[in-house]
Amino acid sequence: MLIMPISQSAKKSLRKALKNNKVNVSFKIKLKAILKKFSAKPTESALKDVYSVLDKAIKNNIYHPNKVSRLKAKFSRSAKSGLAKVVDTKKKTVKKVAKKNTKKAIKKANSKMVK
């Protein structure tokens, strides 16, 4: 149950809190979208976008600076490993697999030799 404010200052404080809540929630939604985009395809340009949004989160007092520092380090590591994975996949070679000799294949080969 929501308690309604009585004094003018309490009413203004409630209005301000609701407005700030909307701004913070929309910012966090934007942040999550950018992080999801980065997780799907970690690139240098996406990493710059992530850094930019996280710095704005510090500026607007949405996240603590230590949390942002942790997140930046985490995404930096994933960007480096993501770029390494892309390079590794290009170097893969396909191995040729020898056919197994089945009874039917052996019979067929023997029948061709007899003729």
PDB file of N, CA and C in Angstrom:
ATOM      1  N   MET A   1       0.839  -1.172   0.000  1.00  0.00           N
ATOM      2  CA  MET A   1       0.000   0.000   0.000  1.00  0.00           C
ATOM      3  C   MET A   1       0.888   1.241   0.000  1.00  0.00           C
ATOM      4  N   LEU A   2       0.608   2.153  -0.897  1.00  0.00           N
ATOM      5  CA  LEU A   2       1.392   3.370  -1.040  1.00  0.00           C
ATOM      6  C   LEU A   2       0.859   4.434  -0.088  1.00  0.00           C
ATOM      7  N   ILE A   3       1.728   5.006   0.713  1.00  0.00           N
ATOM      8  CA  ILE A   3       1.335   6.068   1.640  1.00  0.00           C
ATOM      9  C   ILE A   3       1.410   7.382   0.887  1.00  0.00           C
ATOM     10  N   MET A   4       0.336   8.136   0.913  1.00  0.00           N
ATOM     11  CA  MET A   4       0.295   9.406   0.196  1.00  0.00           C
ATOM     12  C   MET A   4       0.988  10.491   1.027  1.00  0.00           C
ATOM     13  N   PRO A   5       1.805  11.307   0.386  1.00  0.00           N
ATOM     14  CA  PRO A   5       2.485  12.376   1.117  1.00  0.00           C
ATOM     15  C   PRO A   5       1.506  13.484   1.520  1.00  0.00           C
ATOM     16  N   ILE A   6       1.835  14.158   2.620  1.00  0.00           N
ATOM     17  CA  ILE A   6       0.946  15.205   3.119  1.00  0.00           C
ATOM     18  C   ILE A   6       1.529  16.582   2.848  1.00  0.00           C
ATOM     19  N   SER A   7       2.797  16.797   3.171  1.00  0.00           N
ATOM     20  CA  SER A   7       3.392  18.127   3.013  1.00  0.00           C
ATOM     21  C   SER A   7       3.778  18.383   1.558  1.00  0.00           C
ATOM     22  N   GLN A   8       3.967  19.643   1.232  1.00  0.00           N
ATOM     23  CA  GLN A   8       4.348  20.052  -0.121  1.00  0.00           C
ATOM     24  C   GLN A   8       5.692  19.455  -0.523  1.00  0.00           C
ATOM     25  N   SER A   9       6.640  19.479   0.407  1.00  0.00           N
ATOM     26  CA  SER A   9       7.967  18.966   0.077  1.00  0.00           C
ATOM     27  C   SER A   9       7.927  17.459  -0.168  1.00  0.00           C
ATOM     28  N   ALA A  10       7.079  16.754   0.577  1.00  0.00           N
ATOM     29  CA  ALA A  10       6.956  15.311   0.385  1.00  0.00           C
ATOM     30  C   ALA A  10       6.302  15.005  -0.956  1.00  0.00           C
ATOM     31  N   LYS A  11       5.334  15.827  -1.358  1.00  0.00           N
ATOM     32  CA  LYS A  11       4.674  15.645  -2.655  1.00  0.00           C
ATOM     33  C   LYS A  11       5.671  15.868  -3.791  1.00  0.00           C
ATOM     34  N   LYS A  12       6.459  16.923  -3.660  1.00  0.00           N
ATOM     35  CA  LYS A  12       7.468  17.204  -4.690  1.00  0.00           C
ATOM     36  C   LYS A  12       8.506  16.087  -4.737  1.00  0.00           C
ATOM     37  N   SER A  13       8.896  15.595  -3.566  1.00  0.00           N
ATOM     38  CA  SER A  13       9.872  14.522  -3.495  1.00  0.00           C
ATOM     39  C   SER A  13       9.346  13.267  -4.195  1.00  0.00           C
ATOM     40  N   LEU A  14       8.059  12.976  -4.019  1.00  0.00           N
ATOM     41  CA  LEU A  14       7.458  11.822  -4.673  1.00  0.00           C
ATOM     42  C   LEU A  14       7.452  12.000  -6.191  1.00  0.00           C
ATOM     43  N   ARG A  15       7.082  13.202  -6.651  1.00  0.00           N
ATOM     44  CA  ARG A  15       7.079  13.484  -8.093  1.00  0.00           C
ATOM     45  C   ARG A  15       8.480  13.293  -8.670  1.00  0.00           C
ATOM     46  N   LYS A  16       9.464  13.813  -7.974  1.00  0.00           N
ATOM     47  CA  LYS A  16      10.847  13.720  -8.428  1.00  0.00           C
ATOM     48  C   LYS A  16      11.322  12.270  -8.446  1.00  0.00           C
ATOM     49  N   ALA A  17      10.964  11.504  -7.423  1.00  0.00           N
ATOM     50  CA  ALA A  17      11.370  10.107  -7.353  1.00  0.00           C
ATOM     51  C   ALA A  17      10.765   9.305  -8.501  1.00  0.00           C
ATOM     52  N   LEU A  18       9.504   9.559  -8.816  1.00  0.00           N
ATOM     53  CA  LEU A  18       8.850   8.844  -9.920  1.00  0.00           C
ATOM     54  C   LEU A  18       9.495   9.190 -11.260  1.00  0.00           C
ATOM     55  N   LYS A  19       9.824  10.473 -11.432  1.00  0.00           N
ATOM     56  CA  LYS A  19      10.466  10.906 -12.681  1.00  0.00           C
ATOM     57  C   LYS A  19      11.846  10.258 -12.820  1.00  0.00           C
ATOM     58  N   ASN A  20      12.619  10.283 -11.738  1.00  0.00           N
ATOM     59  CA  ASN A  20      13.956   9.686 -11.769  1.00  0.00           C
ATOM     60  C   ASN A  20      13.883   8.180 -12.013  1.00  0.00           C
ATOM     61  N   ASN A  21      12.855   7.544 -11.455  1.00  0.00           N
ATOM     62  CA  ASN A  21      12.683   6.110 -11.652  1.00  0.00           C
ATOM     63  C   ASN A  21      12.460   5.801 -13.130  1.00  0.00           C
ATOM     64  N   LYS A  22      11.626   6.586 -13.802  1.00  0.00           N
ATOM     65  CA  LYS A  22      11.381   6.378 -15.234  1.00  0.00           C
ATOM     66  C   LYS A  22      12.674   6.530 -16.039  1.00  0.00           C
ATOM     67  N   VAL A  23      13.433   7.571 -15.734  1.00  0.00           N
ATOM     68  CA  VAL A  23      14.682   7.829 -16.452  1.00  0.00           C
ATOM     69  C   VAL A  23      15.669   6.690 -16.235  1.00  0.00           C
ATOM     70  N   ASN A  24      15.806   6.255 -14.987  1.00  0.00           N
ATOM     71  CA  ASN A  24      16.760   5.194 -14.666  1.00  0.00           C
ATOM     72  C   ASN A  24      16.365   3.865 -15.305  1.00  0.00           C
ATOM     73  N   VAL A  25      15.068   3.548 -15.295  1.00  0.00           N
ATOM     74  CA  VAL A  25      14.616   2.290 -15.881  1.00  0.00           C
ATOM     75  C   VAL A  25      14.843   2.304 -17.386  1.00  0.00           C
ATOM     76  N   SER A  26      14.541   3.418 -18.047  1.00  0.00           N
ATOM     77  CA  SER A  26      14.751   3.478 -19.496  1.00  0.00           C
ATOM     78  C   SER A  26      16.242   3.383 -19.824  1.00  0.00           C
ATOM     79  N   PHE A  27      17.087   3.989 -18.995  1.00  0.00           N
ATOM     80  CA  PHE A  27      18.528   3.909 -19.206  1.00  0.00           C
ATOM     81  C   PHE A  27      19.023   2.470 -19.062  1.00  0.00           C
ATOM     82  N   LYS A  28      18.517   1.768 -18.035  1.00  0.00           N
ATOM     83  CA  LYS A  28      18.938   0.390 -17.812  1.00  0.00           C
ATOM     84  C   LYS A  28      18.478  -0.522 -18.939  1.00  0.00           C
ATOM     85  N   ILE A  29      17.310  -0.261 -19.508  1.00  0.00           N
ATOM     86  CA  ILE A  29      16.831  -1.041 -20.650  1.00  0.00           C
ATOM     87  C   ILE A  29      17.754  -0.820 -21.843  1.00  0.00           C
ATOM     88  N   LYS A  30      18.134   0.435 -22.070  1.00  0.00           N
ATOM     89  CA  LYS A  30      19.056   0.750 -23.166  1.00  0.00           C
ATOM     90  C   LYS A  30      20.407   0.062 -22.943  1.00  0.00           C
ATOM     91  N   LEU A  31      20.885   0.099 -21.717  1.00  0.00           N
ATOM     92  CA  LEU A  31      22.156  -0.536 -21.367  1.00  0.00           C
ATOM     93  C   LEU A  31      22.102  -2.040 -21.626  1.00  0.00           C
ATOM     94  N   LYS A  32      21.030  -2.694 -21.208  1.00  0.00           N
ATOM     95  CA  LYS A  32      20.900  -4.133 -21.409  1.00  0.00           C
ATOM     96  C   LYS A  32      20.859  -4.481 -22.889  1.00  0.00           C
ATOM     97  N   ALA A  33      20.202  -3.643 -23.689  1.00  0.00           N
ATOM     98  CA  ALA A  33      20.135  -3.897 -25.129  1.00  0.00           C
ATOM     99  C   ALA A  33      21.525  -3.825 -25.757  1.00  0.00           C
ATOM    100  N   ILE A  34      22.309  -2.834 -25.352  1.00  0.00           N
ATOM    101  CA  ILE A  34      23.665  -2.684 -25.893  1.00  0.00           C
ATOM    102  C   ILE A  34      24.551  -3.846 -25.449  1.00  0.00           C
ATOM    103  N   LEU A  35      24.409  -4.275 -24.203  1.00  0.00           N
ATOM    104  CA  LEU A  35      25.206  -5.394 -23.702  1.00  0.00           C
ATOM    105  C   LEU A  35      24.829  -6.694 -24.413  1.00  0.00           C
ATOM    106  N   LYS A  36      23.550  -6.871 -24.702  1.00  0.00           N
ATOM    107  CA  LYS A  36      23.107  -8.063 -25.415  1.00  0.00           C
ATOM    108  C   LYS A  36      23.661  -8.072 -26.836  1.00  0.00           C
ATOM    109  N   LYS A  37      23.645  -6.894 -27.465  1.00  0.00           N
ATOM    110  CA  LYS A  37      24.193  -6.770 -28.822  1.00  0.00           C
ATOM    111  C   LYS A  37      25.690  -7.108 -28.815  1.00  0.00           C
ATOM    112  N   PHE A  38      26.388  -6.615 -27.796  1.00  0.00           N
ATOM    113  CA  PHE A  38      27.821  -6.882 -27.681  1.00  0.00           C
ATOM    114  C   PHE A  38      28.086  -8.369 -27.443  1.00  0.00           C
ATOM    115  N   SER A  39      27.267  -8.995 -26.603  1.00  0.00           N
ATOM    116  CA  SER A  39      27.458 -10.416 -26.301  1.00  0.00           C
ATOM    117  C   SER A  39      27.258 -11.281 -27.537  1.00  0.00           C
ATOM    118  N   ALA A  40      26.337 -10.861 -28.407  1.00  0.00           N
ATOM    119  CA  ALA A  40      26.086 -11.629 -29.626  1.00  0.00           C
ATOM    120  C   ALA A  40      27.279 -11.567 -30.572  1.00  0.00           C
ATOM    121  N   LYS A  41      27.865 -10.375 -30.697  1.00  0.00           N
ATOM    122  CA  LYS A  41      28.998 -10.218 -31.614  1.00  0.00           C
ATOM    123  C   LYS A  41      29.995  -9.237 -31.001  1.00  0.00           C
ATOM    124  N   PRO A  42      30.977  -9.738 -30.250  1.00  0.00           N
ATOM    125  CA  PRO A  42      31.948  -8.843 -29.609  1.00  0.00           C
ATOM    126  C   PRO A  42      32.940  -8.263 -30.615  1.00  0.00           C
ATOM    127  N   THR A  43      32.835  -6.960 -30.856  1.00  0.00           N
ATOM    128  CA  THR A  43      33.761  -6.264 -31.742  1.00  0.00           C
ATOM    129  C   THR A  43      34.291  -5.035 -31.021  1.00  0.00           C
ATOM    130  N   GLU A  44      35.293  -4.411 -31.628  1.00  0.00           N
ATOM    131  CA  GLU A  44      35.889  -3.215 -31.022  1.00  0.00           C
ATOM    132  C   GLU A  44      34.891  -2.059 -30.985  1.00  0.00           C
ATOM    133  N   SER A  45      34.108  -1.879 -32.052  1.00  0.00           N
ATOM    134  CA  SER A  45      33.148  -0.766 -32.073  1.00  0.00           C
ATOM    135  C   SER A  45      32.034  -0.992 -31.051  1.00  0.00           C
ATOM    136  N   ALA A  46      31.608  -2.238 -30.889  1.00  0.00           N
ATOM    137  CA  ALA A  46      30.583  -2.541 -29.887  1.00  0.00           C
ATOM    138  C   ALA A  46      31.134  -2.321 -28.483  1.00  0.00           C
ATOM    139  N   LEU A  47      32.416  -2.614 -28.292  1.00  0.00           N
ATOM    140  CA  LEU A  47      33.052  -2.401 -26.992  1.00  0.00           C
ATOM    141  C   LEU A  47      33.089  -0.910 -26.653  1.00  0.00           C
ATOM    142  N   LYS A  48      33.338  -0.074 -27.656  1.00  0.00           N
ATOM    143  CA  LYS A  48      33.331   1.377 -27.430  1.00  0.00           C
ATOM    144  C   LYS A  48      31.940   1.850 -27.007  1.00  0.00           C
ATOM    145  N   ASP A  49      30.896   1.298 -27.617  1.00  0.00           N
ATOM    146  CA  ASP A  49      29.527   1.650 -27.236  1.00  0.00           C
ATOM    147  C   ASP A  49      29.246   1.245 -25.794  1.00  0.00           C
ATOM    148  N   VAL A  50      29.706   0.064 -25.415  1.00  0.00           N
ATOM    149  CA  VAL A  50      29.513  -0.414 -24.050  1.00  0.00           C
ATOM    150  C   VAL A  50      30.222   0.512 -23.069  1.00  0.00           C
ATOM    151  N   TYR A  51      31.464   0.874 -23.367  1.00  0.00           N
ATOM    152  CA  TYR A  51      32.208   1.775 -22.490  1.00  0.00           C
ATOM    153  C   TYR A  51      31.491   3.115 -22.346  1.00  0.00           C
ATOM    154  N   SER A  52      30.995   3.636 -23.445  1.00  0.00           N
ATOM    155  CA  SER A  52      30.310   4.926 -23.431  1.00  0.00           C
ATOM    156  C   SER A  52      29.087   4.896 -22.520  1.00  0.00           C
ATOM    157  N   VAL A  53      28.280   3.857 -22.655  1.00  0.00           N
ATOM    158  CA  VAL A  53      27.055   3.770 -21.854  1.00  0.00           C
ATOM    159  C   VAL A  53      27.391   3.560 -20.383  1.00  0.00           C
ATOM    160  N   LEU A  54      28.419   2.758 -20.104  1.00  0.00           N
ATOM    161  CA  LEU A  54      28.801   2.535 -18.707  1.00  0.00           C
ATOM    162  C   LEU A  54      29.339   3.815 -18.070  1.00  0.00           C
ATOM    163  N   ASP A  55      30.074   4.620 -18.831  1.00  0.00           N
ATOM    164  CA  ASP A  55      30.557   5.893 -18.296  1.00  0.00           C
ATOM    165  C   ASP A  55      29.399   6.835 -17.982  1.00  0.00           C
ATOM    166  N   LYS A  56      28.370   6.811 -18.818  1.00  0.00           N
ATOM    167  CA  LYS A  56      27.185   7.626 -18.551  1.00  0.00           C
ATOM    168  C   LYS A  56      26.463   7.143 -17.304  1.00  0.00           C
ATOM    169  N   ALA A  57      26.515   5.837 -17.055  1.00  0.00           N
ATOM    170  CA  ALA A  57      25.884   5.284 -15.855  1.00  0.00           C
ATOM    171  C   ALA A  57      26.572   5.805 -14.596  1.00  0.00           C
ATOM    172  N   ILE A  58      27.884   5.969 -14.649  1.00  0.00           N
ATOM    173  CA  ILE A  58      28.604   6.552 -13.509  1.00  0.00           C
ATOM    174  C   ILE A  58      28.206   8.010 -13.341  1.00  0.00           C
ATOM    175  N   LYS A  59      28.186   8.729 -14.445  1.00  0.00           N
ATOM    176  CA  LYS A  59      27.888  10.155 -14.417  1.00  0.00           C
ATOM    177  C   LYS A  59      26.507  10.427 -13.830  1.00  0.00           C
ATOM    178  N   ASN A  60      25.540   9.567 -14.150  1.00  0.00           N
ATOM    179  CA  ASN A  60      24.171   9.766 -13.671  1.00  0.00           C
ATOM    180  C   ASN A  60      23.891   9.058 -12.349  1.00  0.00           C
ATOM    181  N   ASN A  61      24.922   8.529 -11.715  1.00  0.00           N
ATOM    182  CA  ASN A  61      24.811   7.839 -10.427  1.00  0.00           C
ATOM    183  C   ASN A  61      23.849   6.660 -10.477  1.00  0.00           C
ATOM    184  N   ILE A  62      23.830   5.948 -11.589  1.00  0.00           N
ATOM    185  CA  ILE A  62      22.984   4.767 -11.695  1.00  0.00           C
ATOM    186  C   ILE A  62      23.743   3.547 -11.195  1.00  0.00           C
ATOM    187  N   TYR A  63      25.033   3.445 -11.554  1.00  0.00           N
ATOM    188  CA  TYR A  63      25.883   2.360 -11.076  1.00  0.00           C
ATOM    189  C   TYR A  63      27.066   2.938 -10.329  1.00  0.00           C
ATOM    190  N   HIS A  64      27.574   2.166  -9.370  1.00  0.00           N
ATOM    191  CA  HIS A  64      28.755   2.562  -8.609  1.00  0.00           C
ATOM    192  C   HIS A  64      29.987   2.433  -9.511  1.00  0.00           C
ATOM    193  N   PRO A  65      30.954   3.333  -9.358  1.00  0.00           N
ATOM    194  CA  PRO A  65      32.157   3.273 -10.205  1.00  0.00           C
ATOM    195  C   PRO A  65      32.892   1.930 -10.167  1.00  0.00           C
ATOM    196  N   ASN A  66      32.908   1.270  -9.000  1.00  0.00           N
ATOM    197  CA  ASN A  66      33.584  -0.032  -8.917  1.00  0.00           C
ATOM    198  C   ASN A  66      32.866  -1.085  -9.752  1.00  0.00           C
ATOM    199  N   LYS A  67      31.533  -1.043  -9.753  1.00  0.00           N
ATOM    200  CA  LYS A  67      30.761  -1.996 -10.555  1.00  0.00           C
ATOM    201  C   LYS A  67      31.058  -1.778 -12.035  1.00  0.00           C
ATOM    202  N   VAL A  68      31.099  -0.519 -12.444  1.00  0.00           N
ATOM    203  CA  VAL A  68      31.366  -0.210 -13.848  1.00  0.00           C
ATOM    204  C   VAL A  68      32.768  -0.665 -14.230  1.00  0.00           C
ATOM    205  N   SER A  69      33.716  -0.479 -13.331  1.00  0.00           N
ATOM    206  CA  SER A  69      35.078  -0.917 -13.586  1.00  0.00           C
ATOM    207  C   SER A  69      35.137  -2.426 -13.789  1.00  0.00           C
ATOM    208  N   ARG A  70      34.418  -3.172 -12.939  1.00  0.00           N
ATOM    209  CA  ARG A  70      34.344  -4.630 -13.068  1.00  0.00           C
ATOM    210  C   ARG A  70      33.739  -5.037 -14.407  1.00  0.00           C
ATOM    211  N   LEU A  71      32.639  -4.359 -14.778  1.00  0.00           N
ATOM    212  CA  LEU A  71      31.964  -4.689 -16.035  1.00  0.00           C
ATOM    213  C   LEU A  71      32.849  -4.392 -17.241  1.00  0.00           C
ATOM    214  N   LYS A  72      33.556  -3.279 -17.190  1.00  0.00           N
ATOM    215  CA  LYS A  72      34.450  -2.935 -18.298  1.00  0.00           C
ATOM    216  C   LYS A  72      35.532  -3.997 -18.468  1.00  0.00           C
ATOM    217  N   ALA A  73      36.103  -4.445 -17.358  1.00  0.00           N
ATOM    218  CA  ALA A  73      37.144  -5.468 -17.423  1.00  0.00           C
ATOM    219  C   ALA A  73      36.578  -6.766 -17.991  1.00  0.00           C
ATOM    220  N   LYS A  74      35.379  -7.126 -17.560  1.00  0.00           N
ATOM    221  CA  LYS A  74      34.740  -8.352 -18.021  1.00  0.00           C
ATOM    222  C   LYS A  74      34.497  -8.305 -19.529  1.00  0.00           C
ATOM    223  N   PHE A  75      33.947  -7.185 -20.007  1.00  0.00           N
ATOM    224  CA  PHE A  75      33.635  -7.083 -21.428  1.00  0.00           C
ATOM    225  C   PHE A  75      34.902  -6.945 -22.272  1.00  0.00           C
ATOM    226  N   SER A  76      35.923  -6.351 -21.713  1.00  0.00           N
ATOM    227  CA  SER A  76      37.194  -6.255 -22.418  1.00  0.00           C
ATOM    228  C   SER A  76      37.780  -7.646 -22.646  1.00  0.00           C
ATOM    229  N   ARG A  77      37.733  -8.490 -21.600  1.00  0.00           N
ATOM    230  CA  ARG A  77      38.221  -9.865 -21.730  1.00  0.00           C
ATOM    231  C   ARG A  77      37.408 -10.643 -22.759  1.00  0.00           C
ATOM    232  N   SER A  78      36.088 -10.469 -22.711  1.00  0.00           N
ATOM    233  CA  SER A  78      35.255 -11.218 -23.653  1.00  0.00           C
ATOM    234  C   SER A  78      35.473 -10.734 -25.079  1.00  0.00           C
ATOM    235  N   ALA A  79      35.778  -9.446 -25.252  1.00  0.00           N
ATOM    236  CA  ALA A  79      36.047  -8.922 -26.594  1.00  0.00           C
ATOM    237  C   ALA A  79      37.339  -9.533 -27.133  1.00  0.00           C
ATOM    238  N   LYS A  80      38.363  -9.616 -26.281  1.00  0.00           N
ATOM    239  CA  LYS A  80      39.635 -10.200 -26.717  1.00  0.00           C
ATOM    240  C   LYS A  80      39.466 -11.673 -27.070  1.00  0.00           C
ATOM    241  N   SER A  81      38.744 -12.418 -26.226  1.00  0.00           N
ATOM    242  CA  SER A  81      38.543 -13.841 -26.509  1.00  0.00           C
ATOM    243  C   SER A  81      37.613 -14.023 -27.702  1.00  0.00           C
ATOM    244  N   GLY A  82      36.645 -13.129 -27.873  1.00  0.00           N
ATOM    245  CA  GLY A  82      35.741 -13.219 -29.018  1.00  0.00           C
ATOM    246  C   GLY A  82      36.461 -12.984 -30.322  1.00  0.00           C
ATOM    247  N   LEU A  83      37.393 -12.046 -30.331  1.00  0.00           N
ATOM    248  CA  LEU A  83      38.175 -11.792 -31.538  1.00  0.00           C
ATOM    249  C   LEU A  83      39.113 -12.958 -31.816  1.00  0.00           C
ATOM    250  N   ALA A  84      39.624 -13.573 -30.779  1.00  0.00           N
ATOM    251  CA  ALA A  84      40.510 -14.728 -30.964  1.00  0.00           C
ATOM    252  C   ALA A  84      39.728 -15.902 -31.545  1.00  0.00           C
ATOM    253  N   LYS A  85      38.481 -16.087 -31.126  1.00  0.00           N
ATOM    254  CA  LYS A  85      37.662 -17.176 -31.649  1.00  0.00           C
ATOM    255  C   LYS A  85      37.413 -17.006 -33.134  1.00  0.00           C
ATOM    256  N   VAL A  86      37.183 -15.768 -33.549  1.00  0.00           N
ATOM    257  CA  VAL A  86      36.933 -15.503 -34.964  1.00  0.00           C
ATOM    258  C   VAL A  86      38.158 -15.887 -35.789  1.00  0.00           C
ATOM    259  N   VAL A  87      39.337 -15.573 -35.319  1.00  0.00           N
ATOM    260  CA  VAL A  87      40.567 -15.905 -36.024  1.00  0.00           C
ATOM    261  C   VAL A  87      40.758 -17.418 -36.058  1.00  0.00           C
ATOM    262  N   ASP A  88      40.482 -18.104 -34.958  1.00  0.00           N
ATOM    263  CA  ASP A  88      40.673 -19.549 -34.888  1.00  0.00           C
ATOM    264  C   ASP A  88      39.742 -20.293 -35.836  1.00  0.00           C
ATOM    265  N   THR A  89      38.524 -19.846 -35.999  1.00  0.00           N
ATOM    266  CA  THR A  89      37.577 -20.564 -36.847  1.00  0.00           C
ATOM    267  C   THR A  89      37.992 -20.515 -38.304  1.00  0.00           C
ATOM    268  N   LYS A  90      38.700 -19.500 -38.713  1.00  0.00           N
ATOM    269  CA  LYS A  90      39.139 -19.398 -40.099  1.00  0.00           C
ATOM    270  C   LYS A  90      40.254 -20.400 -40.412  1.00  0.00           C
ATOM    271  N   LYS A  91      41.006 -20.841 -39.406  1.00  0.00           N
ATOM    272  CA  LYS A  91      42.150 -21.712 -39.613  1.00  0.00           C
ATOM    273  C   LYS A  91      41.784 -23.197 -39.590  1.00  0.00           C
ATOM    274  N   LYS A  92      40.525 -23.528 -39.361  1.00  0.00           N
ATOM    275  CA  LYS A  92      40.131 -24.920 -39.266  1.00  0.00           C
ATOM    276  C   LYS A  92      40.309 -25.618 -40.600  1.00  0.00           C
ATOM    277  N   THR A  93      40.753 -26.880 -40.544  1.00  0.00           N
ATOM    278  CA  THR A  93      40.876 -27.686 -41.747  1.00  0.00           C
ATOM    279  C   THR A  93      39.953 -28.883 -41.618  1.00  0.00           C
ATOM    280  N   VAL A  94      39.472 -29.355 -42.741  1.00  0.00           N
ATOM    281  CA  VAL A  94      38.554 -30.483 -42.737  1.00  0.00           C
ATOM    282  C   VAL A  94      39.348 -31.760 -42.958  1.00  0.00           C
ATOM    283  N   LYS A  95      39.145 -32.746 -42.091  1.00  0.00           N
ATOM    284  CA  LYS A  95      39.840 -34.018 -42.206  1.00  0.00           C
ATOM    285  C   LYS A  95      39.022 -34.954 -43.087  1.00  0.00           C
ATOM    286  N   LYS A  96      39.710 -35.717 -43.910  1.00  0.00           N
ATOM    287  CA  LYS A  96      39.034 -36.702 -44.739  1.00  0.00           C
ATOM    288  C   LYS A  96      38.865 -37.973 -43.912  1.00  0.00           C
ATOM    289  N   VAL A  97      37.669 -38.512 -43.971  1.00  0.00           N
ATOM    290  CA  VAL A  97      37.368 -39.711 -43.211  1.00  0.00           C
ATOM    291  C   VAL A  97      37.308 -40.891 -44.169  1.00  0.00           C
ATOM    292  N   ALA A  98      38.038 -41.938 -43.847  1.00  0.00           N
ATOM    293  CA  ALA A  98      38.048 -43.132 -44.694  1.00  0.00           C
ATOM    294  C   ALA A  98      36.727 -43.874 -44.536  1.00  0.00           C
ATOM    295  N   LYS A  99      36.257 -44.469 -45.646  1.00  0.00           N
ATOM    296  CA  LYS A  99      35.015 -45.235 -45.603  1.00  0.00           C
ATOM    297  C   LYS A  99      35.245 -46.539 -44.861  1.00  0.00           C
ATOM    298  N   LYS A 100      34.236 -46.943 -44.114  1.00  0.00           N
ATOM    299  CA  LYS A 100      34.319 -48.216 -43.413  1.00  0.00           C
ATOM    300  C   LYS A 100      33.941 -49.327 -44.389  1.00  0.00           C
ATOM    301  N   ASN A 101      34.617 -50.431 -44.284  1.00  0.00           N
ATOM    302  CA  ASN A 101      34.295 -51.574 -45.127  1.00  0.00           C
ATOM    303  C   ASN A 101      33.143 -52.343 -44.502  1.00  0.00           C
ATOM    304  N   THR A 102      32.009 -52.306 -45.162  1.00  0.00           N
ATOM    305  CA  THR A 102      30.866 -53.067 -44.687  1.00  0.00           C
ATOM    306  C   THR A 102      30.810 -54.377 -45.457  1.00  0.00           C
ATOM    307  N   LYS A 103      29.978 -55.285 -44.997  1.00  0.00           N
ATOM    308  CA  LYS A 103      29.862 -56.587 -45.653  1.00  0.00           C
ATOM    309  C   LYS A 103      29.395 -56.427 -47.094  1.00  0.00           C
ATOM    310  N   LYS A 104      28.442 -55.519 -47.324  1.00  0.00           N
ATOM    311  CA  LYS A 104      27.931 -55.301 -48.681  1.00  0.00           C
ATOM    312  C   LYS A 104      29.030 -54.762 -49.591  1.00  0.00           C
ATOM    313  N   ALA A 105      29.827 -53.826 -49.079  1.00  0.00           N
ATOM    314  CA  ALA A 105      30.896 -53.235 -49.883  1.00  0.00           C
ATOM    315  C   ALA A 105      31.955 -54.289 -50.233  1.00  0.00           C
ATOM    316  N   ILE A 106      32.248 -55.169 -49.297  1.00  0.00           N
ATOM    317  CA  ILE A 106      33.235 -56.220 -49.540  1.00  0.00           C
ATOM    318  C   ILE A 106      32.719 -57.211 -50.593  1.00  0.00           C
ATOM    319  N   LYS A 107      31.438 -57.595 -50.495  1.00  0.00           N
ATOM    320  CA  LYS A 107      30.840 -58.508 -51.467  1.00  0.00           C
ATOM    321  C   LYS A 107      30.872 -57.888 -52.872  1.00  0.00           C
ATOM    322  N   LYS A 108      30.530 -56.602 -52.944  1.00  0.00           N
ATOM    323  CA  LYS A 108      30.508 -55.894 -54.236  1.00  0.00           C
ATOM    324  C   LYS A 108      31.910 -55.882 -54.849  1.00  0.00           C
ATOM    325  N   ALA A 109      32.903 -55.584 -54.031  1.00  0.00           N
ATOM    326  CA  ALA A 109      34.284 -55.536 -54.523  1.00  0.00           C
ATOM    327  C   ALA A 109      34.737 -56.915 -54.984  1.00  0.00           C
ATOM    328  N   ASN A 110      34.392 -57.961 -54.241  1.00  0.00           N
ATOM    329  CA  ASN A 110      34.767 -59.325 -54.608  1.00  0.00           C
ATOM    330  C   ASN A 110      34.074 -59.745 -55.896  1.00  0.00           C
ATOM    331  N   SER A 111      32.816 -59.357 -56.068  1.00  0.00           N
ATOM    332  CA  SER A 111      32.089 -59.752 -57.283  1.00  0.00           C
ATOM    333  C   SER A 111      32.686 -59.074 -58.498  1.00  0.00           C
ATOM    334  N   LYS A 112      33.196 -57.847 -58.346  1.00  0.00           N
ATOM    335  CA  LYS A 112      33.819 -57.148 -59.462  1.00  0.00           C
ATOM    336  C   LYS A 112      35.140 -57.800 -59.831  1.00  0.00           C
ATOM    337  N   MET A 113      35.875 -58.309 -58.839  1.00  0.00           N
ATOM    338  CA  MET A 113      37.158 -58.973 -59.080  1.00  0.00           C
ATOM    339  C   MET A 113      36.956 -60.280 -59.822  1.00  0.00           C
ATOM    340  N   VAL A 114      35.885 -60.984 -59.514  1.00  0.00           N
ATOM    341  CA  VAL A 114      35.620 -62.284 -60.112  1.00  0.00           C
ATOM    342  C   VAL A 114      35.301 -62.129 -61.602  1.00  0.00           C
ATOM    343  N   LYS A 115      34.591 -61.114 -61.972  1.00  0.00           N
ATOM    344  CA  LYS A 115      34.185 -60.905 -63.361  1.00  0.00           C
ATOM    345  C   LYS A 115      35.330 -60.587 -64.203  1.00  0.00           C
TER     346      LYS A 115
END
